Amino acid sequence: MSKQAKIKDIAAMAGVSAGTVDRILHNRGNVSAKSREAVEKVLSTVGYKYNLHTSAVSLKKEFTIVITTPLSDNGDYWRAIQSGIEQALKEYSDIAIHPVFSYYNQFDIYSCRSSFDGIVASRPDAVIIAPTFISETKDLCDRLDSASIPYVFIDAVVEETHPIASFSTDQVTGGRLLGRLLHAITPADRSLAIFESQRIGNKQASNTISRREGFMAYMKEVGRKVLEAGFSVLYPDDNQSTVAAFFRDNPNVGGVAVMNSRGYIIADIMQREKIEGIRMVSFDLTRNNAHFLDNGTITALLCQRPELQGYQAIIAAIRHLLYHQDEEIVHHKTPLDIILKENRPYYRDFFGI
């Protein structure tokens, strides 16, 4: 027999159940000496090399993984993360994994609460969490910890929680990098401005808070004044007049930082209002951002490798569920890429933009 004999085959040859073979391979006890002797004889005969992946598939173990992320459209940042998740699930399609997507509106704290509330009650085997709102994420993690349900973070990390793994960029460093880049490309005699998106529930996203911390710290070090403004993703009709008025009232602004992937909203208004001569840096190579990067309204984008984050999060959950392996490094930091008009074509295949 092949060395890749399945557990069910070994069980049949030894005259025991597949569960008995699994307990012997895991050294879990509760096995009679007679059964152990029969199984070990078969293992010796077939030259079996134990493979935990094969074991789980052979025993038809099923796992439910809840994935809670912001709802998104094709070409958006969160859709790219979902693409990475789907790729990992495809590669592990021989394992009975049942993914359950629990989406929420990332600009509405009440939508997030509603999505999070039903997760623990569904008793999943693991959860992948996009921790947009800090308090809500902490509450969910406390409940998951109490129920002994493992969870993995993507895109951000929330302190005072206990994920088995996390995959994100260093958001404070991202803010500093944005600040350094904007400072370098904007004339010293021009002002800088930071635009932040408004959210229902009056709570900032965890990433925005961290990026702002890094950005402001760098600006303090170099002694540049920063003006502040807001915009709405949920109510875009309100932006035209308020954003245009901001630039009209602050004609010396020469550089703009947008703390999330919605830089295209400001870029679109600038283009329609014919506001020129301003450098803009935003986050993420989304389809909309790519359009304004190509036409020069957005100067640069900082990209966080979203597909890689989603892919690695699923792999970490599978390793934990199948192999009972804990990550040697819990918090994994993904690279930050500076994407300009000139090098954007080289990211086309990777990001699908």
Protein backbone atom coordinates (compact mmCIF):
# COMPACT_ATOMS: atom_id res chain seq x y z
CA MET A 1 0.00 0.00 0.00
CA SER A 2 1.14 3.59 -0.67
CA LYS A 3 2.72 5.58 2.11
CA GLN A 4 -0.12 8.04 1.57
CA ALA A 5 -2.67 5.55 2.90
CA LYS A 6 -5.68 7.25 4.37
CA ILE A 7 -6.75 6.91 7.97
CA LYS A 8 -9.97 5.16 6.97
CA ASP A 9 -7.92 2.55 5.06
CA ILE A 10 -5.65 1.95 8.05
CA ALA A 11 -8.70 1.67 10.28
CA ALA A 12 -10.24 -0.96 7.99
CA MET A 13 -7.02 -2.99 7.90
CA ALA A 14 -6.65 -2.86 11.68
CA GLY A 15 -10.32 -3.60 12.34
CA VAL A 16 -10.89 -0.40 14.33
CA SER A 17 -12.67 2.91 13.76
CA ALA A 18 -11.09 5.91 12.04
CA GLY A 19 -11.49 7.80 15.30
CA THR A 20 -9.37 5.23 17.09
CA VAL A 21 -6.60 5.62 14.52
CA ASP A 22 -6.79 9.40 14.89
CA ARG A 23 -6.47 9.16 18.69
CA ILE A 24 -3.44 6.92 18.38
CA LEU A 25 -1.76 9.27 15.90
CA HIS A 26 -2.44 12.21 18.21
CA ASN A 27 -1.50 10.17 21.30
CA ARG A 28 -4.77 11.19 22.97
CA GLY A 29 -5.28 8.01 24.99
CA ASN A 30 -8.60 6.19 25.52
CA VAL A 31 -7.41 3.36 23.30
CA SER A 32 -7.10 -0.27 24.34
CA ALA A 33 -3.73 -1.98 24.15
CA LYS A 34 -5.17 -4.46 21.62
CA SER A 35 -6.37 -1.70 19.29
CA ARG A 36 -3.10 0.22 19.59
CA GLU A 37 -1.09 -2.91 18.76
CA ALA A 38 -3.28 -3.62 15.70
CA VAL A 39 -3.00 -0.06 14.39
CA GLU A 40 0.74 0.21 14.98
CA LYS A 41 1.25 -3.07 13.11
CA VAL A 42 -0.63 -1.70 10.09
CA LEU A 43 1.28 1.59 10.28
CA SER A 44 4.54 -0.31 10.24
CA THR A 45 3.40 -2.46 7.32
CA VAL A 46 2.35 0.42 5.08
CA GLY A 47 5.20 2.72 6.13
CA TYR A 48 2.65 5.41 6.95
CA LYS A 49 3.78 9.01 7.38
CA TYR A 50 1.22 10.93 9.37
CA ASN A 51 -0.20 13.99 7.65
CA LEU A 52 -2.56 16.15 9.70
CA HIS A 53 -4.10 17.69 6.59
CA THR A 54 -4.94 14.25 5.18
CA SER A 55 -6.24 13.23 8.61
CA ALA A 56 -8.74 16.07 8.78
CA VAL A 57 -9.98 15.46 5.25
CA SER A 58 -10.26 11.71 5.77
CA LEU A 59 -12.26 12.12 8.95
CA LYS A 60 -14.60 14.57 7.17
CA LYS A 61 -14.14 17.29 9.76
CA GLU A 62 -16.10 20.40 8.92
CA PHE A 63 -15.23 23.93 9.98
CA THR A 64 -17.32 27.08 9.90
CA ILE A 65 -15.34 30.32 9.61
CA VAL A 66 -17.21 33.60 9.96
CA ILE A 67 -15.63 36.47 8.05
CA THR A 68 -16.84 39.90 9.13
CA THR A 69 -15.65 42.77 6.95
CA PRO A 70 -17.04 45.98 5.47
CA LEU A 71 -19.33 45.57 2.48
CA SER A 72 -17.60 46.61 -0.75
CA ASP A 73 -17.89 46.78 -4.53
CA ASN A 74 -15.56 45.38 -7.17
CA GLY A 75 -12.37 47.40 -7.33
CA ASP A 76 -12.60 48.50 -3.69
CA TYR A 77 -10.06 47.83 -0.96
CA TRP A 78 -12.22 45.36 0.96
CA ARG A 79 -13.13 43.49 -2.20
CA ALA A 80 -9.40 42.92 -2.72
CA ILE A 81 -9.15 41.43 0.78
CA GLN A 82 -12.08 39.17 -0.03
CA SER A 83 -10.31 38.05 -3.20
CA GLY A 84 -7.36 36.91 -1.07
CA ILE A 85 -9.74 35.07 1.25
CA GLU A 86 -11.44 33.36 -1.68
CA GLN A 87 -8.09 32.31 -3.13
CA ALA A 88 -7.08 30.64 0.13
CA LEU A 89 -10.43 28.86 0.37
CA LYS A 90 -10.01 27.64 -3.20
CA GLU A 91 -6.55 26.24 -2.47
CA TYR A 92 -7.94 24.40 0.57
CA SER A 93 -11.12 23.28 -1.13
CA ASP A 94 -10.45 19.65 -0.18
CA ILE A 95 -11.18 20.62 3.42
CA ALA A 96 -14.82 21.05 4.41
CA ILE A 97 -14.69 24.75 5.27
CA HIS A 98 -17.96 26.62 5.34
CA PRO A 99 -17.31 30.38 5.05
CA VAL A 100 -20.01 32.70 6.38
CA PHE A 101 -19.65 36.37 5.40
CA SER A 102 -21.10 38.89 7.83
CA TYR A 103 -20.80 42.30 6.18
CA TYR A 104 -21.30 45.73 7.70
CA ASN A 105 -21.17 49.36 6.64
CA GLN A 106 -17.76 50.64 7.69
CA PHE A 107 -19.10 54.20 7.98
CA ASP A 108 -21.96 53.24 10.31
CA ILE A 109 -21.15 52.07 13.82
CA TYR A 110 -24.67 50.69 14.29
CA SER A 111 -24.31 48.49 11.22
CA CYS A 112 -21.08 47.12 12.68
CA ARG A 113 -22.74 46.37 16.01
CA SER A 114 -25.58 44.55 14.29
CA SER A 115 -23.17 42.41 12.28
CA PHE A 116 -21.03 41.55 15.31
CA ASP A 117 -23.96 40.71 17.60
CA GLY A 118 -24.94 37.48 15.88
CA ILE A 119 -21.47 36.00 15.45
CA VAL A 120 -20.90 34.30 18.81
CA ALA A 121 -24.41 32.85 18.90
CA SER A 122 -23.73 31.04 15.62
CA ARG A 123 -20.89 29.11 17.33
CA PRO A 124 -18.34 29.21 14.49
CA ASP A 125 -15.04 27.37 14.69
CA ALA A 126 -13.10 30.58 13.96
CA VAL A 127 -13.70 34.21 13.04
CA ILE A 128 -11.85 36.59 10.72
CA ILE A 129 -12.39 40.16 11.93
CA ALA A 130 -11.89 43.53 10.28
CA PRO A 131 -11.72 45.70 13.43
CA THR A 132 -13.01 49.00 12.09
CA PHE A 133 -14.47 50.24 15.39
CA ILE A 134 -12.37 49.73 18.51
CA SER A 135 -15.00 49.40 21.27
CA GLU A 136 -17.22 47.14 19.20
CA THR A 137 -14.25 44.92 18.31
CA LYS A 138 -13.17 44.65 21.94
CA ASP A 139 -16.67 43.63 22.96
CA LEU A 140 -16.82 40.97 20.24
CA CYS A 141 -13.39 39.63 21.17
CA ASP A 142 -14.32 39.41 24.84
CA ARG A 143 -17.31 37.27 23.90
CA LEU A 144 -15.23 35.11 21.57
CA ASP A 145 -12.59 34.62 24.27
CA SER A 146 -15.28 33.54 26.74
CA ALA A 147 -16.59 31.02 24.21
CA SER A 148 -13.05 29.82 23.34
CA ILE A 149 -13.53 30.73 19.69
CA PRO A 150 -10.25 31.71 17.96
CA TYR A 151 -10.12 34.83 15.83
CA VAL A 152 -7.78 36.53 13.37
CA PHE A 153 -7.50 40.25 12.62
CA ILE A 154 -7.07 41.71 9.15
CA ASP A 155 -6.23 45.31 8.23
CA ALA A 156 -5.76 46.49 11.84
CA VAL A 157 -4.97 45.37 15.38
CA VAL A 158 -6.92 46.30 18.49
CA GLU A 159 -5.08 46.34 21.81
CA GLU A 160 -6.24 44.35 24.84
CA THR A 161 -7.48 41.50 22.64
CA HIS A 162 -6.10 38.00 22.04
CA PRO A 163 -6.13 37.06 18.35
CA ILE A 164 -4.32 33.92 17.26
CA ALA A 165 -2.88 36.04 14.43
CA SER A 166 -3.20 39.42 12.76
CA PHE A 167 -2.24 40.66 9.32
CA SER A 168 -1.95 44.38 8.65
CA THR A 169 0.49 47.13 7.96
CA ASP A 170 1.85 49.20 10.83
CA GLN A 171 -0.76 51.94 10.65
CA VAL A 172 1.20 54.47 12.72
CA THR A 173 4.15 53.97 10.39
CA GLY A 174 1.77 54.36 7.47
CA GLY A 175 0.71 57.74 8.79
CA ARG A 176 4.32 58.82 9.23
CA LEU A 177 5.19 57.63 5.73
CA LEU A 178 2.28 59.59 4.30
CA GLY A 179 3.40 62.67 6.21
CA ARG A 180 7.01 62.35 5.12
CA LEU A 181 6.04 61.87 1.50
CA LEU A 182 3.60 64.78 1.47
CA HIS A 183 6.13 67.02 3.23
CA ALA A 184 8.77 66.15 0.64
CA ILE A 185 6.63 66.84 -2.43
CA THR A 186 4.84 69.99 -1.22
CA PRO A 187 6.66 73.36 -1.27
CA ALA A 188 7.58 74.56 2.22
CA ASP A 189 5.67 77.81 1.80
CA ARG A 190 2.38 75.99 1.16
CA SER A 191 0.00 74.68 3.84
CA LEU A 192 -0.99 71.04 4.30
CA ALA A 193 -4.47 69.65 4.95
CA ILE A 194 -5.80 66.37 6.27
CA PHE A 195 -9.21 65.05 5.19
CA GLU A 196 -11.01 62.47 7.32
CA SER A 197 -14.29 60.72 6.54
CA GLN A 198 -17.29 61.26 8.81
CA ARG A 199 -19.08 58.22 10.23
CA ILE A 200 -22.50 57.57 11.69
CA GLY A 201 -22.06 57.14 15.42
CA ASN A 202 -19.33 59.78 15.62
CA LYS A 203 -16.54 57.24 15.90
CA GLN A 204 -13.35 57.18 13.87
CA ALA A 205 -12.05 53.96 12.38
CA SER A 206 -9.18 52.35 14.28
CA ASN A 207 -6.86 52.72 11.27
CA THR A 208 -7.66 56.41 10.90
CA ILE A 209 -6.78 57.02 14.54
CA SER A 210 -3.42 55.25 14.20
CA ARG A 211 -2.54 56.85 10.88
CA ARG A 212 -3.45 60.28 12.19
CA GLU A 213 -1.18 59.69 15.19
CA GLY A 214 1.78 58.92 12.96
CA PHE A 215 1.01 61.72 10.50
CA MET A 216 0.65 64.41 13.17
CA ALA A 217 3.75 63.24 15.03
CA TYR A 218 5.82 63.63 11.89
CA MET A 219 4.37 67.05 11.10
CA LYS A 220 5.19 68.19 14.62
CA GLU A 221 8.78 67.06 14.13
CA VAL A 222 9.20 69.03 10.91
CA GLY A 223 7.20 72.00 12.17
CA ARG A 224 4.47 72.13 9.52
CA LYS A 225 0.99 73.40 10.22
CA VAL A 226 -1.88 71.10 9.26
CA LEU A 227 -5.42 72.22 8.52
CA GLU A 228 -8.27 69.76 9.06
CA ALA A 229 -11.42 69.02 7.07
CA GLY A 230 -14.05 66.30 6.80
CA PHE A 231 -16.09 64.66 4.08
CA SER A 232 -18.93 62.16 3.88
CA VAL A 233 -18.90 58.80 2.11
CA LEU A 234 -22.54 58.06 2.90
CA TYR A 235 -23.82 61.44 1.72
CA PRO A 236 -21.60 62.40 -1.23
CA ASP A 237 -23.90 65.21 -2.38
CA ASP A 238 -22.87 67.17 0.71
CA ASN A 239 -19.19 67.13 -0.26
CA GLN A 240 -19.22 69.31 -3.33
CA SER A 241 -19.98 72.56 -1.55
CA THR A 242 -18.04 71.89 1.66
CA VAL A 243 -14.83 70.66 0.00
CA ALA A 244 -14.90 73.41 -2.62
CA ALA A 245 -15.45 75.99 0.14
CA PHE A 246 -12.50 74.61 2.10
CA PHE A 247 -10.10 75.14 -0.80
CA ARG A 248 -11.61 78.51 -1.57
CA ASP A 249 -11.15 79.64 2.04
CA ASN A 250 -7.63 78.19 2.23
CA PRO A 251 -5.95 79.08 -1.08
CA ASN A 252 -2.46 78.41 0.28
CA VAL A 253 -3.08 74.68 0.69
CA GLY A 254 -0.56 72.83 -1.44
CA GLY A 255 -0.75 69.30 -0.08
CA VAL A 256 -3.65 67.04 0.96
CA ALA A 257 -3.62 63.80 2.95
CA VAL A 258 -6.63 61.47 2.90
CA MET A 259 -6.46 58.93 5.72
CA ASN A 260 -8.34 56.11 3.99
CA SER A 261 -9.03 54.67 0.55
CA ARG A 262 -11.51 57.41 -0.42
CA GLY A 263 -9.04 59.91 -1.80
CA TYR A 264 -10.91 59.75 -5.11
CA ILE A 265 -13.85 61.61 -3.52
CA ILE A 266 -11.69 64.69 -2.88
CA ALA A 267 -9.88 64.23 -6.21
CA ASP A 268 -13.14 64.17 -8.12
CA ILE A 269 -14.28 67.46 -6.58
CA MET A 270 -10.90 69.06 -7.20
CA GLN A 271 -11.07 68.06 -10.84
CA ARG A 272 -14.63 69.31 -11.33
CA GLU A 273 -13.85 72.57 -9.53
CA LYS A 274 -10.60 72.94 -11.52
CA ILE A 275 -8.55 73.14 -8.31
CA GLU A 276 -4.98 72.60 -9.48
CA GLY A 277 -1.43 72.65 -8.19
CA ILE A 278 -2.15 70.51 -5.12
CA ARG A 279 -0.29 67.32 -4.20
CA MET A 280 -2.48 64.56 -2.79
CA VAL A 281 -1.55 61.29 -1.08
CA SER A 282 -4.15 58.69 -0.11
CA PHE A 283 -4.27 55.00 0.75
CA ASP A 284 -4.94 51.94 -1.40
CA LEU A 285 -4.89 51.12 -5.09
CA THR A 286 -8.63 50.90 -5.67
CA ARG A 287 -10.18 51.25 -9.12
CA ASN A 288 -11.42 54.78 -8.39
CA ASN A 289 -8.12 55.90 -6.88
CA ALA A 290 -6.22 54.42 -9.83
CA HIS A 291 -8.22 56.61 -12.22
CA PHE A 292 -7.17 59.81 -10.45
CA LEU A 293 -3.61 58.57 -10.01
CA ASP A 294 -3.40 58.10 -13.77
CA ASN A 295 -4.68 61.60 -14.55
CA GLY A 296 -2.42 63.22 -11.96
CA THR A 297 -5.02 64.51 -9.49
CA ILE A 298 -3.77 62.00 -6.90
CA THR A 299 0.03 62.14 -6.67
CA ALA A 300 0.71 58.91 -4.77
CA LEU A 301 -1.03 56.01 -3.07
CA LEU A 302 0.16 53.89 -0.14
CA CYS A 303 -0.87 50.30 -0.72
CA GLN A 304 -1.24 47.68 2.03
CA ARG A 305 -1.27 44.41 0.03
CA PRO A 306 -4.94 43.63 0.82
CA GLU A 307 -5.05 40.31 -1.07
CA LEU A 308 -2.07 39.07 0.93
CA GLN A 309 -3.76 40.00 4.21
CA GLY A 310 -6.97 38.13 3.36
CA TYR A 311 -5.09 35.10 2.07
CA GLN A 312 -2.82 34.81 5.10
CA ALA A 313 -5.68 35.28 7.55
CA ILE A 314 -7.51 32.21 6.23
CA ILE A 315 -4.31 30.15 6.19
CA ALA A 316 -3.65 31.06 9.83
CA ALA A 317 -7.17 30.03 10.82
CA ILE A 318 -6.83 26.72 8.96
CA ARG A 319 -3.46 25.98 10.57
CA HIS A 320 -5.00 26.56 13.97
CA LEU A 321 -8.09 24.44 13.32
CA LEU A 322 -6.38 21.56 11.50
CA TYR A 323 -2.92 21.42 12.96
CA HIS A 324 -3.56 23.03 16.35
CA GLN A 325 -0.58 25.26 15.60
CA ASP A 326 -0.17 28.65 17.21
CA GLU A 327 1.63 31.38 15.31
CA GLU A 328 5.22 31.94 16.46
CA ILE A 329 4.67 35.59 15.57
CA VAL A 330 1.12 36.71 16.30
CA HIS A 331 1.18 40.12 14.64
CA HIS A 332 2.36 39.96 11.03
CA LYS A 333 3.19 43.26 9.34
CA THR A 334 2.59 43.44 5.59
CA PRO A 335 4.60 45.82 3.38
CA LEU A 336 3.54 49.32 2.40
CA ASP A 337 4.09 50.15 -1.27
CA ILE A 338 4.34 53.69 -2.62
CA ILE A 339 2.53 53.65 -5.95
CA LEU A 340 2.92 56.43 -8.48
CA LYS A 341 1.54 56.84 -11.98
CA GLU A 342 4.82 55.49 -13.36
CA ASN A 343 4.88 52.18 -11.48
CA ARG A 344 1.13 51.51 -11.26
CA PRO A 345 1.07 49.28 -14.39
CA TYR A 346 3.30 46.77 -12.60
CA TYR A 347 0.59 46.25 -9.98
CA ARG A 348 -2.16 45.62 -12.53
CA ASP A 349 -2.08 41.83 -12.34
CA PHE A 350 -1.61 41.68 -8.58
CA PHE A 351 -4.47 44.01 -7.71
CA GLY A 352 -6.72 43.48 -10.70
CA ILE A 353 -6.93 47.23 -11.37
